[in-house]
Amino acid sequence: MDNRELDFIKRYFLKRSLGGILVVGGNYFKTTLISLRE
């Protein structure tokens, strides 16, 4: 495996984990807003 492949895999996993964090954060934010409204 050369450096280019390693770089691609690193970036791919970074994007995936960032996406997961955004989704979880968005859901958390939504539930917080809903609970504040009630």
PDB file of N, CA and C in Angstrom:
ATOM      1  N   MET A   1       0.845  -1.200   0.000  1.00  0.00           N
ATOM      2  CA  MET A   1       0.000   0.000   0.000  1.00  0.00           C
ATOM      3  C   MET A   1       0.884   1.255   0.000  1.00  0.00           C
ATOM      4  N   ASP A   2       0.657   2.150  -0.935  1.00  0.00           N
ATOM      5  CA  ASP A   2       1.484   3.351  -0.972  1.00  0.00           C
ATOM      6  C   ASP A   2       0.831   4.486  -0.173  1.00  0.00           C
ATOM      7  N   ASN A   3       1.528   5.598  -0.105  1.00  0.00           N
ATOM      8  CA  ASN A   3       1.067   6.718   0.720  1.00  0.00           C
ATOM      9  C   ASN A   3      -0.254   7.301   0.239  1.00  0.00           C
ATOM     10  N   ARG A   4      -0.440   7.290  -1.084  1.00  0.00           N
ATOM     11  CA  ARG A   4      -1.681   7.853  -1.627  1.00  0.00           C
ATOM     12  C   ARG A   4      -2.886   7.081  -1.122  1.00  0.00           C
ATOM     13  N   GLU A   5      -2.787   5.761  -1.143  1.00  0.00           N
ATOM     14  CA  GLU A   5      -3.906   4.931  -0.672  1.00  0.00           C
ATOM     15  C   GLU A   5      -4.163   5.175   0.806  1.00  0.00           C
ATOM     16  N   LEU A   6      -3.097   5.239   1.584  1.00  0.00           N
ATOM     17  CA  LEU A   6      -3.213   5.466   3.023  1.00  0.00           C
ATOM     18  C   LEU A   6      -3.895   6.810   3.287  1.00  0.00           C
ATOM     19  N   ASP A   7      -3.475   7.829   2.534  1.00  0.00           N
ATOM     20  CA  ASP A   7      -4.047   9.165   2.677  1.00  0.00           C
ATOM     21  C   ASP A   7      -5.537   9.143   2.362  1.00  0.00           C
ATOM     22  N   PHE A   8      -5.896   8.440   1.294  1.00  0.00           N
ATOM     23  CA  PHE A   8      -7.297   8.346   0.882  1.00  0.00           C
ATOM     24  C   PHE A   8      -8.132   7.687   1.969  1.00  0.00           C
ATOM     25  N   ILE A   9      -7.616   6.586   2.528  1.00  0.00           N
ATOM     26  CA  ILE A   9      -8.341   5.855   3.571  1.00  0.00           C
ATOM     27  C   ILE A   9      -8.494   6.726   4.814  1.00  0.00           C
ATOM     28  N   LYS A  10      -7.429   7.431   5.178  1.00  0.00           N
ATOM     29  CA  LYS A  10      -7.496   8.311   6.351  1.00  0.00           C
ATOM     30  C   LYS A  10      -8.561   9.376   6.154  1.00  0.00           C
ATOM     31  N   ARG A  11      -8.554   9.995   4.971  1.00  0.00           N
ATOM     32  CA  ARG A  11      -9.530  11.047   4.689  1.00  0.00           C
ATOM     33  C   ARG A  11     -10.948  10.485   4.679  1.00  0.00           C
ATOM     34  N   TYR A  12     -11.098   9.284   4.122  1.00  0.00           N
ATOM     35  CA  TYR A  12     -12.405   8.638   4.040  1.00  0.00           C
ATOM     36  C   TYR A  12     -12.971   8.401   5.434  1.00  0.00           C
ATOM     37  N   PHE A  13     -12.152   7.858   6.332  1.00  0.00           N
ATOM     38  CA  PHE A  13     -12.628   7.575   7.683  1.00  0.00           C
ATOM     39  C   PHE A  13     -12.874   8.861   8.460  1.00  0.00           C
ATOM     40  N   LEU A  14     -12.043   9.875   8.200  1.00  0.00           N
ATOM     41  CA  LEU A  14     -12.238  11.158   8.868  1.00  0.00           C
ATOM     42  C   LEU A  14     -13.582  11.750   8.464  1.00  0.00           C
ATOM     43  N   LYS A  15     -13.890  11.691   7.166  1.00  0.00           N
ATOM     44  CA  LYS A  15     -15.173  12.207   6.676  1.00  0.00           C
ATOM     45  C   LYS A  15     -16.327  11.443   7.298  1.00  0.00           C
ATOM     46  N   ARG A  16     -16.198  10.116   7.377  1.00  0.00           N
ATOM     47  CA  ARG A  16     -17.270   9.293   7.938  1.00  0.00           C
ATOM     48  C   ARG A  16     -17.499   9.622   9.401  1.00  0.00           C
ATOM     49  N   SER A  17     -16.419   9.752  10.170  1.00  0.00           N
ATOM     50  CA  SER A  17     -16.575  10.043  11.593  1.00  0.00           C
ATOM     51  C   SER A  17     -17.122  11.456  11.788  1.00  0.00           C
ATOM     52  N   LEU A  18     -16.699  12.394  10.938  1.00  0.00           N
ATOM     53  CA  LEU A  18     -17.230  13.756  11.032  1.00  0.00           C
ATOM     54  C   LEU A  18     -18.714  13.764  10.726  1.00  0.00           C
ATOM     55  N   GLY A  19     -19.118  13.000   9.718  1.00  0.00           N
ATOM     56  CA  GLY A  19     -20.538  12.903   9.382  1.00  0.00           C
ATOM     57  C   GLY A  19     -21.334  12.334  10.534  1.00  0.00           C
ATOM     58  N   GLY A  20     -20.793  11.306  11.171  1.00  0.00           N
ATOM     59  CA  GLY A  20     -21.475  10.707  12.317  1.00  0.00           C
ATOM     60  C   GLY A  20     -21.629  11.694  13.454  1.00  0.00           C
ATOM     61  N   ILE A  21     -20.576  12.463  13.708  1.00  0.00           N
ATOM     62  CA  ILE A  21     -20.622  13.463  14.780  1.00  0.00           C
ATOM     63  C   ILE A  21     -21.680  14.514  14.460  1.00  0.00           C
ATOM     64  N   LEU A  22     -21.746  14.938  13.199  1.00  0.00           N
ATOM     65  CA  LEU A  22     -22.733  15.942  12.799  1.00  0.00           C
ATOM     66  C   LEU A  22     -24.147  15.423  12.976  1.00  0.00           C
ATOM     67  N   VAL A  23     -24.378  14.170  12.597  1.00  0.00           N
ATOM     68  CA  VAL A  23     -25.714  13.579  12.723  1.00  0.00           C
ATOM     69  C   VAL A  23     -26.112  13.482  14.189  1.00  0.00           C
ATOM     70  N   VAL A  24     -25.207  12.965  15.008  1.00  0.00           N
ATOM     71  CA  VAL A  24     -25.492  12.834  16.443  1.00  0.00           C
ATOM     72  C   VAL A  24     -25.705  14.213  17.059  1.00  0.00           C
ATOM     73  N   GLY A  25     -24.852  15.163  16.713  1.00  0.00           N
ATOM     74  CA  GLY A  25     -24.978  16.520  17.242  1.00  0.00           C
ATOM     75  C   GLY A  25     -26.287  17.159  16.816  1.00  0.00           C
ATOM     76  N   GLY A  26     -26.688  16.944  15.574  1.00  0.00           N
ATOM     77  CA  GLY A  26     -27.942  17.502  15.079  1.00  0.00           C
ATOM     78  C   GLY A  26     -29.136  16.930  15.816  1.00  0.00           C
ATOM     79  N   ASN A  27     -29.126  15.614  16.033  1.00  0.00           N
ATOM     80  CA  ASN A  27     -30.222  14.979  16.766  1.00  0.00           C
ATOM     81  C   ASN A  27     -30.276  15.484  18.195  1.00  0.00           C
ATOM     82  N   TYR A  28     -29.120  15.618  18.822  1.00  0.00           N
ATOM     83  CA  TYR A  28     -29.043  16.101  20.201  1.00  0.00           C
ATOM     84  C   TYR A  28     -29.583  17.527  20.289  1.00  0.00           C
ATOM     85  N   PHE A  29     -29.204  18.350  19.314  1.00  0.00           N
ATOM     86  CA  PHE A  29     -29.654  19.739  19.264  1.00  0.00           C
ATOM     87  C   PHE A  29     -31.166  19.812  19.113  1.00  0.00           C
ATOM     88  N   LYS A  30     -31.714  18.958  18.249  1.00  0.00           N
ATOM     89  CA  LYS A  30     -33.166  18.925  18.024  1.00  0.00           C
ATOM     90  C   LYS A  30     -33.910  18.550  19.298  1.00  0.00           C
ATOM     91  N   THR A  31     -33.462  17.505  19.971  1.00  0.00           N
ATOM     92  CA  THR A  31     -34.149  17.070  21.193  1.00  0.00           C
ATOM     93  C   THR A  31     -34.041  18.141  22.267  1.00  0.00           C
ATOM     94  N   THR A  32     -32.916  18.851  22.310  1.00  0.00           N
ATOM     95  CA  THR A  32     -32.757  19.931  23.288  1.00  0.00           C
ATOM     96  C   THR A  32     -33.759  21.040  23.006  1.00  0.00           C
ATOM     97  N   LEU A  33     -33.902  21.420  21.744  1.00  0.00           N
ATOM     98  CA  LEU A  33     -34.859  22.466  21.375  1.00  0.00           C
ATOM     99  C   LEU A  33     -36.283  22.055  21.721  1.00  0.00           C
ATOM    100  N   ILE A  34     -36.627  20.807  21.433  1.00  0.00           N
ATOM    101  CA  ILE A  34     -37.980  20.317  21.700  1.00  0.00           C
ATOM    102  C   ILE A  34     -38.253  20.333  23.199  1.00  0.00           C
ATOM    103  N   SER A  35     -37.291  19.877  23.993  1.00  0.00           N
ATOM    104  CA  SER A  35     -37.498  19.832  25.446  1.00  0.00           C
ATOM    105  C   SER A  35     -37.558  21.248  26.020  1.00  0.00           C
ATOM    106  N   LEU A  36     -36.867  22.190  25.404  1.00  0.00           N
ATOM    107  CA  LEU A  36     -36.920  23.574  25.878  1.00  0.00           C
ATOM    108  C   LEU A  36     -38.280  24.193  25.583  1.00  0.00           C
ATOM    109  N   ARG A  37     -38.887  23.805  24.473  1.00  0.00           N
ATOM    110  CA  ARG A  37     -40.166  24.377  24.072  1.00  0.00           C
ATOM    111  C   ARG A  37     -41.306  23.908  24.974  1.00  0.00           C
ATOM    112  N   GLU A  38     -41.209  22.662  25.442  1.00  0.00           N
ATOM    113  CA  GLU A  38     -42.313  22.109  26.228  1.00  0.00           C
ATOM    114  C   GLU A  38     -42.379  22.724  27.618  1.00  0.00           C
TER     115      GLU A  38
END
